[in-house]
Each structure stands twice: as C-alpha cells, then as structure tokens.
Amino acid sequence: MAQYSVYIQYDDVDKIYIASIPELQGCMAHGETKEQALKELEIACELWIETAKESGREIPKPALYAEKV
C-alpha cells in the first residue's frame, strides 16, 4: 500500500475518519482515528488486490510512485 496515494478525510456527521486509495476504485476504510482508518485501509487494499487478481482484473499502478533510477 505504501506506493499508492492515500486520501484521509474526517466525516463530521459520523465522527469518523475515512481513508481511500484513489487509484483503486472503491478501496475505502474508516476508523475512529486516522491511525485506525489507515490500518483498516491496509487490509482493504490487500483484499482489493487479491480480488482483482482472482477475477483477472488489471491492478492499477500507483499514480505518484516514481522508481529510483
């Protein structure tokens, strides 16, 4: 997950943090703290990638990751 962009937002209505990975459509998680939301997002990311592999879908590359030369 480290290479992917992560977006974290606080939801005032539900009083939770929502974390998502824009490159992986629909890959989101939430928690009462930023740390909890990120931990849950790691799990969601692993499951997203595992499911994509099983169904033969393409796994997007990280948008902002630059390989070291």
PDB file of N, CA and C in Angstrom:
ATOM      1  N   MET A   1       0.821  -1.187   0.000  1.00  0.00           N
ATOM      2  CA  MET A   1       0.000   0.000   0.000  1.00  0.00           C
ATOM      3  C   MET A   1       0.865   1.250   0.000  1.00  0.00           C
ATOM      4  N   ALA A   2       2.096   1.166   0.440  1.00  0.00           N
ATOM      5  CA  ALA A   2       2.941   2.344   0.623  1.00  0.00           C
ATOM      6  C   ALA A   2       3.094   3.163  -0.657  1.00  0.00           C
ATOM      7  N   GLN A   3       3.051   2.531  -1.822  1.00  0.00           N
ATOM      8  CA  GLN A   3       3.262   3.275  -3.057  1.00  0.00           C
ATOM      9  C   GLN A   3       2.016   4.020  -3.526  1.00  0.00           C
ATOM     10  N   TYR A   4       0.857   3.624  -3.085  1.00  0.00           N
ATOM     11  CA  TYR A   4      -0.376   4.236  -3.556  1.00  0.00           C
ATOM     12  C   TYR A   4      -0.667   5.551  -2.825  1.00  0.00           C
ATOM     13  N   SER A   5      -1.376   6.422  -3.498  1.00  0.00           N
ATOM     14  CA  SER A   5      -1.851   7.657  -2.877  1.00  0.00           C
ATOM     15  C   SER A   5      -2.908   7.294  -1.838  1.00  0.00           C
ATOM     16  N   VAL A   6      -2.906   8.007  -0.731  1.00  0.00           N
ATOM     17  CA  VAL A   6      -3.903   7.788   0.313  1.00  0.00           C
ATOM     18  C   VAL A   6      -4.562   9.121   0.624  1.00  0.00           C
ATOM     19  N   TYR A   7      -5.867   9.114   0.658  1.00  0.00           N
ATOM     20  CA  TYR A   7      -6.652  10.304   0.960  1.00  0.00           C
ATOM     21  C   TYR A   7      -7.391  10.032   2.264  1.00  0.00           C
ATOM     22  N   ILE A   8      -7.248  10.949   3.230  1.00  0.00           N
ATOM     23  CA  ILE A   8      -7.934  10.805   4.519  1.00  0.00           C
ATOM     24  C   ILE A   8      -8.792  12.042   4.751  1.00  0.00           C
ATOM     25  N   GLN A   9     -10.010  11.802   5.168  1.00  0.00           N
ATOM     26  CA  GLN A   9     -10.964  12.893   5.388  1.00  0.00           C
ATOM     27  C   GLN A   9     -11.753  12.597   6.657  1.00  0.00           C
ATOM     28  N   TYR A  10     -12.030  13.628   7.434  1.00  0.00           N
ATOM     29  CA  TYR A  10     -12.867  13.470   8.626  1.00  0.00           C
ATOM     30  C   TYR A  10     -14.323  13.728   8.263  1.00  0.00           C
ATOM     31  N   ASP A  11     -15.189  12.833   8.688  1.00  0.00           N
ATOM     32  CA  ASP A  11     -16.627  12.961   8.452  1.00  0.00           C
ATOM     33  C   ASP A  11     -17.284  13.490   9.725  1.00  0.00           C
ATOM     34  N   ASP A  12     -17.701  14.762   9.696  1.00  0.00           N
ATOM     35  CA  ASP A  12     -18.326  15.394  10.866  1.00  0.00           C
ATOM     36  C   ASP A  12     -19.650  14.748  11.250  1.00  0.00           C
ATOM     37  N   VAL A  13     -20.349  14.221  10.277  1.00  0.00           N
ATOM     38  CA  VAL A  13     -21.658  13.626  10.553  1.00  0.00           C
ATOM     39  C   VAL A  13     -21.506  12.330  11.352  1.00  0.00           C
ATOM     40  N   ASP A  14     -20.652  11.427  10.851  1.00  0.00           N
ATOM     41  CA  ASP A  14     -20.481  10.126  11.512  1.00  0.00           C
ATOM     42  C   ASP A  14     -19.350  10.117  12.540  1.00  0.00           C
ATOM     43  N   LYS A  15     -18.585  11.209  12.614  1.00  0.00           N
ATOM     44  CA  LYS A  15     -17.479  11.342  13.568  1.00  0.00           C
ATOM     45  C   LYS A  15     -16.434  10.247  13.384  1.00  0.00           C
ATOM     46  N   ILE A  16     -16.056  10.014  12.117  1.00  0.00           N
ATOM     47  CA  ILE A  16     -15.037   9.017  11.783  1.00  0.00           C
ATOM     48  C   ILE A  16     -14.099   9.574  10.721  1.00  0.00           C
ATOM     49  N   TYR A  17     -12.933   8.939  10.604  1.00  0.00           N
ATOM     50  CA  TYR A  17     -12.003   9.252   9.525  1.00  0.00           C
ATOM     51  C   TYR A  17     -12.229   8.242   8.409  1.00  0.00           C
ATOM     52  N   ILE A  18     -12.250   8.735   7.195  1.00  0.00           N
ATOM     53  CA  ILE A  18     -12.421   7.874   6.025  1.00  0.00           C
ATOM     54  C   ILE A  18     -11.137   7.942   5.216  1.00  0.00           C
ATOM     55  N   ALA A  19     -10.570   6.789   4.921  1.00  0.00           N
ATOM     56  CA  ALA A  19      -9.341   6.709   4.139  1.00  0.00           C
ATOM     57  C   ALA A  19      -9.634   5.957   2.849  1.00  0.00           C
ATOM     58  N   SER A  20      -9.031   6.423   1.760  1.00  0.00           N
ATOM     59  CA  SER A  20      -9.254   5.757   0.476  1.00  0.00           C
ATOM     60  C   SER A  20      -7.988   5.816  -0.368  1.00  0.00           C
ATOM     61  N   ILE A  21      -7.943   4.931  -1.357  1.00  0.00           N
ATOM     62  CA  ILE A  21      -6.851   4.893  -2.331  1.00  0.00           C
ATOM     63  C   ILE A  21      -7.476   5.215  -3.678  1.00  0.00           C
ATOM     64  N   PRO A  22      -7.257   6.429  -4.193  1.00  0.00           N
ATOM     65  CA  PRO A  22      -7.904   6.841  -5.444  1.00  0.00           C
ATOM     66  C   PRO A  22      -7.604   5.924  -6.634  1.00  0.00           C
ATOM     67  N   GLU A  23      -6.401   5.365  -6.695  1.00  0.00           N
ATOM     68  CA  GLU A  23      -6.048   4.512  -7.833  1.00  0.00           C
ATOM     69  C   GLU A  23      -6.836   3.197  -7.855  1.00  0.00           C
ATOM     70  N   LEU A  24      -7.300   2.763  -6.684  1.00  0.00           N
ATOM     71  CA  LEU A  24      -8.049   1.500  -6.589  1.00  0.00           C
ATOM     72  C   LEU A  24      -9.514   1.833  -6.330  1.00  0.00           C
ATOM     73  N   GLN A  25     -10.266   1.926  -7.401  1.00  0.00           N
ATOM     74  CA  GLN A  25     -11.661   2.363  -7.321  1.00  0.00           C
ATOM     75  C   GLN A  25     -12.445   1.592  -6.261  1.00  0.00           C
ATOM     76  N   GLY A  26     -13.026   2.338  -5.330  1.00  0.00           N
ATOM     77  CA  GLY A  26     -13.849   1.724  -4.299  1.00  0.00           C
ATOM     78  C   GLY A  26     -13.086   1.210  -3.091  1.00  0.00           C
ATOM     79  N   CYS A  27     -11.764   1.357  -3.079  1.00  0.00           N
ATOM     80  CA  CYS A  27     -10.962   0.875  -1.955  1.00  0.00           C
ATOM     81  C   CYS A  27     -10.982   1.934  -0.856  1.00  0.00           C
ATOM     82  N   MET A  28     -11.798   1.673   0.174  1.00  0.00           N
ATOM     83  CA  MET A  28     -12.002   2.631   1.259  1.00  0.00           C
ATOM     84  C   MET A  28     -12.107   1.895   2.585  1.00  0.00           C
ATOM     85  N   ALA A  29     -11.826   2.642   3.655  1.00  0.00           N
ATOM     86  CA  ALA A  29     -11.993   2.107   5.004  1.00  0.00           C
ATOM     87  C   ALA A  29     -12.217   3.281   5.942  1.00  0.00           C
ATOM     88  N   HIS A  30     -12.615   2.979   7.160  1.00  0.00           N
ATOM     89  CA  HIS A  30     -12.829   4.060   8.123  1.00  0.00           C
ATOM     90  C   HIS A  30     -12.419   3.623   9.518  1.00  0.00           C
ATOM     91  N   GLY A  31     -12.266   4.612  10.391  1.00  0.00           N
ATOM     92  CA  GLY A  31     -11.927   4.340  11.776  1.00  0.00           C
ATOM     93  C   GLY A  31     -12.164   5.564  12.632  1.00  0.00           C
ATOM     94  N   GLU A  32     -12.139   5.375  13.941  1.00  0.00           N
ATOM     95  CA  GLU A  32     -12.354   6.481  14.865  1.00  0.00           C
ATOM     96  C   GLU A  32     -11.150   7.416  14.924  1.00  0.00           C
ATOM     97  N   THR A  33      -9.965   6.912  14.522  1.00  0.00           N
ATOM     98  CA  THR A  33      -8.756   7.725  14.467  1.00  0.00           C
ATOM     99  C   THR A  33      -8.135   7.587  13.082  1.00  0.00           C
ATOM    100  N   LYS A  34      -7.223   8.501  12.738  1.00  0.00           N
ATOM    101  CA  LYS A  34      -6.526   8.391  11.453  1.00  0.00           C
ATOM    102  C   LYS A  34      -5.751   7.083  11.391  1.00  0.00           C
ATOM    103  N   GLU A  35      -5.102   6.732  12.500  1.00  0.00           N
ATOM    104  CA  GLU A  35      -4.299   5.510  12.540  1.00  0.00           C
ATOM    105  C   GLU A  35      -5.155   4.274  12.297  1.00  0.00           C
ATOM    106  N   GLN A  36      -6.324   4.232  12.916  1.00  0.00           N
ATOM    107  CA  GLN A  36      -7.231   3.092  12.732  1.00  0.00           C
ATOM    108  C   GLN A  36      -7.726   3.033  11.294  1.00  0.00           C
ATOM    109  N   ALA A  37      -8.049   4.184  10.717  1.00  0.00           N
ATOM    110  CA  ALA A  37      -8.508   4.213   9.328  1.00  0.00           C
ATOM    111  C   ALA A  37      -7.418   3.710   8.391  1.00  0.00           C
ATOM    112  N   LEU A  38      -6.170   4.105   8.626  1.00  0.00           N
ATOM    113  CA  LEU A  38      -5.065   3.630   7.792  1.00  0.00           C
ATOM    114  C   LEU A  38      -4.834   2.132   7.941  1.00  0.00           C
ATOM    115  N   LYS A  39      -4.940   1.640   9.172  1.00  0.00           N
ATOM    116  CA  LYS A  39      -4.769   0.202   9.414  1.00  0.00           C
ATOM    117  C   LYS A  39      -5.844  -0.595   8.671  1.00  0.00           C
ATOM    118  N   GLU A  40      -7.071  -0.114   8.740  1.00  0.00           N
ATOM    119  CA  GLU A  40      -8.169  -0.777   8.034  1.00  0.00           C
ATOM    120  C   GLU A  40      -7.990  -0.666   6.517  1.00  0.00           C
ATOM    121  N   LEU A  41      -7.430   0.451   6.064  1.00  0.00           N
ATOM    122  CA  LEU A  41      -7.207   0.632   4.631  1.00  0.00           C
ATOM    123  C   LEU A  41      -6.159  -0.344   4.114  1.00  0.00           C
ATOM    124  N   GLU A  42      -5.152  -0.645   4.916  1.00  0.00           N
ATOM    125  CA  GLU A  42      -4.155  -1.643   4.510  1.00  0.00           C
ATOM    126  C   GLU A  42      -4.823  -2.983   4.238  1.00  0.00           C
ATOM    127  N   ILE A  43      -5.720  -3.375   5.112  1.00  0.00           N
ATOM    128  CA  ILE A  43      -6.453  -4.635   4.935  1.00  0.00           C
ATOM    129  C   ILE A  43      -7.319  -4.567   3.685  1.00  0.00           C
ATOM    130  N   ALA A  44      -8.037  -3.453   3.515  1.00  0.00           N
ATOM    131  CA  ALA A  44      -8.899  -3.286   2.345  1.00  0.00           C
ATOM    132  C   ALA A  44      -8.085  -3.331   1.052  1.00  0.00           C
ATOM    133  N   CYS A  45      -6.904  -2.722   1.063  1.00  0.00           N
ATOM    134  CA  CYS A  45      -6.040  -2.713  -0.115  1.00  0.00           C
ATOM    135  C   CYS A  45      -5.599  -4.131  -0.481  1.00  0.00           C
ATOM    136  N   GLU A  46      -5.166  -4.894   0.512  1.00  0.00           N
ATOM    137  CA  GLU A  46      -4.754  -6.283   0.264  1.00  0.00           C
ATOM    138  C   GLU A  46      -5.905  -7.087  -0.331  1.00  0.00           C
ATOM    139  N   LEU A  47      -7.093  -6.920   0.238  1.00  0.00           N
ATOM    140  CA  LEU A  47      -8.263  -7.651  -0.263  1.00  0.00           C
ATOM    141  C   LEU A  47      -8.657  -7.185  -1.660  1.00  0.00           C
ATOM    142  N   TRP A  48      -8.551  -5.884  -1.922  1.00  0.00           N
ATOM    143  CA  TRP A  48      -8.870  -5.343  -3.240  1.00  0.00           C
ATOM    144  C   TRP A  48      -7.965  -5.974  -4.288  1.00  0.00           C
ATOM    145  N   ILE A  49      -6.674  -5.989  -4.014  1.00  0.00           N
ATOM    146  CA  ILE A  49      -5.703  -6.537  -4.968  1.00  0.00           C
ATOM    147  C   ILE A  49      -5.899  -8.041  -5.140  1.00  0.00           C
ATOM    148  N   GLU A  50      -6.124  -8.750  -4.053  1.00  0.00           N
ATOM    149  CA  GLU A  50      -6.363 -10.195  -4.112  1.00  0.00           C
ATOM    150  C   GLU A  50      -7.594 -10.510  -4.962  1.00  0.00           C
ATOM    151  N   THR A  51      -8.669  -9.769  -4.759  1.00  0.00           N
ATOM    152  CA  THR A  51      -9.901  -9.975  -5.519  1.00  0.00           C
ATOM    153  C   THR A  51      -9.691  -9.652  -6.999  1.00  0.00           C
ATOM    154  N   ALA A  52      -8.963  -8.581  -7.276  1.00  0.00           N
ATOM    155  CA  ALA A  52      -8.686  -8.206  -8.669  1.00  0.00           C
ATOM    156  C   ALA A  52      -7.901  -9.309  -9.374  1.00  0.00           C
ATOM    157  N   LYS A  53      -6.910  -9.863  -8.690  1.00  0.00           N
ATOM    158  CA  LYS A  53      -6.104 -10.949  -9.277  1.00  0.00           C
ATOM    159  C   LYS A  53      -6.982 -12.166  -9.566  1.00  0.00           C
ATOM    160  N   GLU A  54      -7.818 -12.524  -8.597  1.00  0.00           N
ATOM    161  CA  GLU A  54      -8.683 -13.697  -8.753  1.00  0.00           C
ATOM    162  C   GLU A  54      -9.669 -13.547  -9.907  1.00  0.00           C
ATOM    163  N   SER A  55     -10.122 -12.327 -10.138  1.00  0.00           N
ATOM    164  CA  SER A  55     -11.103 -12.119 -11.197  1.00  0.00           C
ATOM    165  C   SER A  55     -10.465 -11.684 -12.517  1.00  0.00           C
ATOM    166  N   GLY A  56      -9.140 -11.615 -12.545  1.00  0.00           N
ATOM    167  CA  GLY A  56      -8.437 -11.279 -13.784  1.00  0.00           C
ATOM    168  C   GLY A  56      -8.468  -9.809 -14.148  1.00  0.00           C
ATOM    169  N   ARG A  57      -8.817  -8.958 -13.210  1.00  0.00           N
ATOM    170  CA  ARG A  57      -8.835  -7.521 -13.483  1.00  0.00           C
ATOM    171  C   ARG A  57      -7.432  -6.941 -13.398  1.00  0.00           C
ATOM    172  N   GLU A  58      -7.220  -5.880 -14.140  1.00  0.00           N
ATOM    173  CA  GLU A  58      -5.938  -5.189 -14.115  1.00  0.00           C
ATOM    174  C   GLU A  58      -5.787  -4.432 -12.792  1.00  0.00           C
ATOM    175  N   ILE A  59      -4.596  -4.474 -12.224  1.00  0.00           N
ATOM    176  CA  ILE A  59      -4.315  -3.751 -10.993  1.00  0.00           C
ATOM    177  C   ILE A  59      -3.586  -2.466 -11.367  1.00  0.00           C
ATOM    178  N   PRO A  60      -4.207  -1.327 -11.122  1.00  0.00           N
ATOM    179  CA  PRO A  60      -3.591  -0.060 -11.497  1.00  0.00           C
ATOM    180  C   PRO A  60      -2.256   0.162 -10.780  1.00  0.00           C
ATOM    181  N   LYS A  61      -1.342   0.795 -11.485  1.00  0.00           N
ATOM    182  CA  LYS A  61      -0.072   1.155 -10.876  1.00  0.00           C
ATOM    183  C   LYS A  61      -0.290   2.408 -10.032  1.00  0.00           C
ATOM    184  N   PRO A  62       0.545   2.607  -8.998  1.00  0.00           N
ATOM    185  CA  PRO A  62       0.435   3.831  -8.219  1.00  0.00           C
ATOM    186  C   PRO A  62       0.651   5.057  -9.099  1.00  0.00           C
ATOM    187  N   ALA A  63      -0.183   6.059  -8.936  1.00  0.00           N
ATOM    188  CA  ALA A  63      -0.130   7.239  -9.791  1.00  0.00           C
ATOM    189  C   ALA A  63       1.046   8.154  -9.490  1.00  0.00           C
ATOM    190  N   LEU A  64       1.470   8.215  -8.249  1.00  0.00           N
ATOM    191  CA  LEU A  64       2.513   9.165  -7.874  1.00  0.00           C
ATOM    192  C   LEU A  64       3.834   8.485  -7.536  1.00  0.00           C
ATOM    193  N   TYR A  65       3.925   7.193  -7.727  1.00  0.00           N
ATOM    194  CA  TYR A  65       5.140   6.464  -7.380  1.00  0.00           C
ATOM    195  C   TYR A  65       6.168   6.598  -8.499  1.00  0.00           C
ATOM    196  N   ALA A  66       7.372   6.967  -8.153  1.00  0.00           N
ATOM    197  CA  ALA A  66       8.444   7.081  -9.135  1.00  0.00           C
ATOM    198  C   ALA A  66       9.566   6.126  -8.740  1.00  0.00           C
ATOM    199  N   GLU A  67       9.935   5.264  -9.658  1.00  0.00           N
ATOM    200  CA  GLU A  67      11.005   4.310  -9.380  1.00  0.00           C
ATOM    201  C   GLU A  67      12.332   5.038  -9.276  1.00  0.00           C
ATOM    202  N   LYS A  68      13.176   4.529  -8.389  1.00  0.00           N
ATOM    203  CA  LYS A  68      14.524   5.099  -8.269  1.00  0.00           C
ATOM    204  C   LYS A  68      15.374   4.604  -9.422  1.00  0.00           C
ATOM    205  N   VAL A  69      16.148   5.486  -9.978  1.00  0.00           N
ATOM    206  CA  VAL A  69      16.993   5.139 -11.119  1.00  0.00           C
ATOM    207  C   VAL A  69      18.421   5.000 -10.660  1.00  0.00           C
TER     208      VAL A  69
END
